Protein backbone atom coordinates (compact mmCIF):
# COMPACT_ATOMS: atom_id res chain seq x y z
CA MET A 1 -10.16 2.07 -0.56
CA SER A 2 -13.80 1.35 0.14
CA THR A 3 -15.10 2.23 3.58
CA GLN A 4 -16.09 -1.37 4.42
CA TYR A 5 -13.28 -3.92 4.64
CA SER A 6 -13.85 -7.35 3.09
CA MET A 7 -11.37 -10.14 3.76
CA GLU A 8 -12.79 -12.05 0.79
CA THR A 9 -12.11 -9.10 -1.55
CA ASP A 10 -8.59 -8.65 -0.16
CA LEU A 11 -7.93 -12.35 -0.73
CA LYS A 12 -9.31 -12.32 -4.28
CA GLU A 13 -7.20 -9.26 -5.14
CA ALA A 14 -4.06 -10.69 -3.50
CA LEU A 15 -4.39 -13.96 -5.42
CA ALA A 16 -4.93 -12.17 -8.75
CA MET A 17 -1.93 -9.92 -8.06
CA ALA A 18 0.28 -12.85 -7.05
CA GLU A 19 -0.68 -14.73 -10.22
CA GLY A 20 0.38 -11.77 -12.36
CA LEU A 21 3.48 -10.87 -10.35
CA SER A 22 6.10 -12.74 -12.37
CA GLU A 23 5.12 -11.02 -15.61
CA TYR A 24 4.66 -7.68 -13.83
CA VAL A 25 8.14 -7.49 -12.24
CA ARG A 26 9.75 -8.17 -15.62
CA GLY A 27 7.59 -5.60 -17.39
CA SER A 28 8.22 -1.91 -17.95
CA GLN A 29 5.13 -0.46 -16.22
CA LEU A 30 4.99 0.63 -12.58
CA TYR A 31 1.27 -0.06 -12.30
CA GLY A 32 0.31 -3.48 -13.61
CA SER A 33 -3.08 -4.92 -14.49
CA THR A 34 -4.73 -7.79 -12.65
CA GLY A 35 -6.78 -8.75 -15.71
CA GLY A 36 -10.50 -8.47 -16.27
CA GLY A 37 -10.50 -6.04 -19.17
CA PHE A 38 -11.33 -2.35 -19.46
CA PHE A 39 -14.14 -2.30 -16.90
CA ASN A 40 -12.06 -4.19 -14.38
CA SER A 41 -12.69 -3.04 -10.80
CA MET A 42 -9.49 -4.65 -9.51
CA PRO A 43 -6.82 -2.32 -8.12
CA SER A 44 -3.55 -1.91 -10.00
CA LEU A 45 -0.90 -4.53 -9.38
CA THR A 46 2.18 -3.29 -7.56
CA ILE A 47 4.48 -5.02 -5.10
CA GLY A 48 3.30 -2.70 -2.33
CA ALA A 49 -0.39 -3.33 -3.03
CA LEU A 50 0.23 -7.09 -2.86
CA VAL A 51 2.47 -7.01 0.22
CA MET A 52 -0.10 -4.86 2.06
CA ARG A 53 -2.86 -7.38 1.37
CA LEU A 54 -0.73 -10.40 2.26
CA ARG A 55 0.29 -8.90 5.61
CA ARG A 56 -3.32 -8.11 6.52
CA LEU A 57 -4.56 -11.52 5.43
CA HIS A 58 -1.90 -13.37 7.42
CA MET A 59 -3.08 -11.47 10.50
CA LEU A 60 -6.62 -12.72 9.81
CA ASP A 61 -5.83 -16.30 8.87
CA SER A 62 -7.25 -17.72 12.13
CA SER A 63 -10.72 -16.56 11.03
CA MET A 64 -10.43 -18.03 7.52
CA SER A 65 -12.08 -21.11 6.07
CA ASP A 66 -9.83 -23.90 4.79
CA LYS A 67 -10.40 -22.73 1.21
CA GLN A 68 -9.49 -19.14 2.06
CA ARG A 69 -6.36 -20.26 3.88
CA GLU A 70 -5.42 -22.40 0.88
CA ASN A 71 -5.76 -19.35 -1.42
CA LEU A 72 -3.68 -17.24 0.96
CA GLU A 73 -0.95 -19.91 1.01
CA LYS A 74 -1.02 -20.03 -2.79
CA ALA A 75 -0.75 -16.21 -3.10
CA THR A 76 2.08 -16.14 -0.55
CA ALA A 77 3.97 -18.96 -2.27
CA LEU A 78 3.67 -17.25 -5.67
CA HIS A 79 4.90 -13.95 -4.21
CA ASN A 80 7.86 -15.63 -2.49
CA GLN A 81 8.77 -17.57 -5.63
CA VAL A 82 8.85 -14.41 -7.78
CA GLN A 83 10.82 -12.61 -5.09
CA ARG A 84 13.46 -15.39 -5.20
CA GLU A 85 13.54 -16.09 -8.94
CA TRP A 86 13.38 -12.50 -10.19
CA PHE A 87 14.99 -10.70 -7.27
CA ALA A 88 16.79 -7.97 -9.25
CA HIS A 89 13.54 -7.10 -11.06
CA TYR A 90 11.57 -7.31 -7.81
CA GLU A 91 14.00 -4.98 -6.03
CA GLU A 92 13.97 -2.50 -8.90
CA LYS A 93 10.15 -2.38 -8.98
CA LEU A 94 9.91 -2.10 -5.19
CA LEU A 95 12.25 0.91 -5.05
CA TRP A 96 10.61 2.53 -8.06
CA GLU A 97 7.21 2.18 -6.40
CA ALA A 98 8.34 3.58 -3.02
CA GLU A 99 10.00 6.60 -4.67
CA SER A 100 7.09 7.18 -7.03
CA ARG A 101 4.40 7.06 -4.33
CA LEU A 102 6.34 9.45 -2.09
CA LYS A 103 7.06 11.80 -4.99
CA SER A 104 3.40 11.86 -6.06
CA MET A 105 2.44 13.01 -2.54
CA LEU A 106 4.21 16.31 -3.30
CA VAL A 107 1.29 17.21 -5.61
CA PHE A 108 -1.12 16.70 -2.70
CA PHE A 109 0.96 18.93 -0.41
CA ARG A 110 0.99 21.67 -3.04
CA GLU A 111 -2.79 21.42 -3.47
CA CYS A 112 -3.23 21.67 0.31
CA ARG A 113 -1.13 24.84 0.42
CA GLU A 114 -2.99 26.37 -2.51
CA ASN A 115 -6.49 25.28 -1.48
CA PRO A 116 -6.63 24.23 2.22
CA GLY A 117 -10.41 23.70 2.04
CA GLN A 118 -9.95 20.80 -0.40
CA CYS A 119 -7.23 19.14 1.64
CA PRO A 120 -9.48 16.94 3.89
CA HIS A 121 -11.35 15.60 0.83
CA LEU A 122 -8.15 14.62 -0.96
CA TYR A 123 -6.51 12.93 2.02
CA LYS A 124 -7.57 9.25 1.92
CA PRO A 125 -5.72 8.29 -1.30
CA GLU A 126 -2.58 9.92 0.13
CA ALA A 127 -2.96 7.98 3.39
CA LEU A 128 -3.18 4.79 1.31
CA LYS A 129 0.00 5.73 -0.61
CA ARG A 130 1.84 6.36 2.65
CA THR A 131 0.58 3.03 4.06
CA ILE A 132 1.77 1.12 0.99
CA VAL A 133 5.18 2.79 1.30
CA GLU A 134 5.30 1.62 4.93
CA GLU A 135 4.55 -1.94 3.77
CA LEU A 136 7.46 -1.72 1.32
CA LEU A 137 9.75 -0.35 4.03
CA GLY A 138 8.71 -3.31 6.18
CA VAL A 139 10.02 -5.89 3.70
CA MET A 140 13.22 -4.05 2.69
CA PRO A 141 15.44 -4.97 5.68
CA GLY A 142 14.70 -8.70 5.37
CA LEU A 143 15.69 -8.55 1.70
CA HIS A 144 18.78 -6.39 2.38
CA ILE A 145 17.39 -3.59 0.22
CA GLU A 146 18.48 -0.09 1.13
CA SER A 147 17.84 3.28 -0.48
CA GLN A 148 18.98 6.69 0.70
CA VAL A 149 16.68 8.27 -1.91
CA VAL A 150 13.63 6.56 -0.38
CA ASN A 151 14.76 7.51 3.14
CA ASP A 152 15.20 11.17 2.14
CA ARG A 153 11.86 11.32 0.32
CA LEU A 154 10.17 9.67 3.30
CA LYS A 155 11.52 12.28 5.76
CA GLU A 156 10.38 15.05 3.45
CA ALA A 157 6.90 13.54 2.97
CA ASP A 158 6.36 12.84 6.67
CA ALA A 159 7.43 16.34 7.68
CA ALA A 160 4.97 17.81 5.16
CA LEU A 161 2.25 15.37 6.24
CA ARG A 162 2.66 16.15 9.95
CA SER A 163 2.38 19.87 9.19
CA ILE A 164 -1.12 19.54 7.69
CA VAL A 165 -2.85 16.87 9.81
CA THR A 166 -4.32 16.70 13.30
CA LYS A 167 -5.22 13.64 15.39
CA SER A 168 -8.47 11.92 14.46
CA ASP A 169 -10.23 8.59 14.74
CA PHE A 170 -8.97 5.74 12.53
CA ILE A 171 -9.85 6.80 8.97
CA TRP A 172 -10.47 3.32 7.53
CA ASP A 173 -12.92 0.57 8.50
CA GLU A 174 -12.54 -0.21 12.22
CA ALA A 175 -12.02 -3.89 11.33
CA LEU A 176 -8.56 -2.91 10.02
CA ALA A 177 -7.49 -0.85 13.05
CA PRO A 178 -5.84 -3.77 14.94
CA MET A 179 -3.52 -4.31 11.94
CA TYR A 180 -2.36 -0.70 11.98
CA PRO A 181 -0.89 0.33 15.37
CA THR A 182 -1.28 4.04 16.12
CA ASP A 183 2.42 4.78 16.65
CA GLU A 184 3.61 3.12 13.46
CA TYR A 185 0.73 4.22 11.22
CA TRP A 186 0.01 7.64 12.75
CA TRP A 187 -1.29 9.08 9.42
CA LEU A 188 -4.24 6.65 9.58
CA TYR A 189 -5.22 8.27 12.89
CA SER A 190 -4.89 11.78 11.49
CA THR A 191 -6.66 13.98 8.98
CA PRO A 192 -6.32 17.53 7.70
CA PRO A 193 -8.74 19.70 9.71
CA GLU A 194 -11.83 21.04 7.97
CA LYS A 195 -11.41 24.75 7.26
CA GLU A 196 -14.15 27.15 8.29
């Protein structure tokens, strides 16, 4: 995630992801492409990456132009349509993503144990993974999706995360802070301490 937040970039990425969502949920890859070829700077398409952007953008819609709001409505409608029409595929991808992101954090925890000095420099991508998992957890109850595996992995990841971080300022662009309350997104207000 870049240090400076851009609503326009978030909107462009959300729309591209929403347009590719139908094909993505029916495909066999966890990380989809949002087009643009080999030198594409767009992030990978996943349900979590899209849901995260849509939630943020809906919180900002009062500051959008009519055109931006129209694009947000289009992205939201496409997402909701795929969710309805391809629900079994959507659910499968959502759970796969949540499990995969939590599992991949285990590598980070191992690296922090083995090389504590590197831990602070490796933290931001892990904080993003944990945030995307939280976005997925946020939509699961409304869709009646449950997973004991995800719950167990989450407890394990959060326990490991809490053991290596200390309180800090918000680690992303301050413009995003109102969208991420401290209690719910505590890992965005934490960072592994720098080792002497």
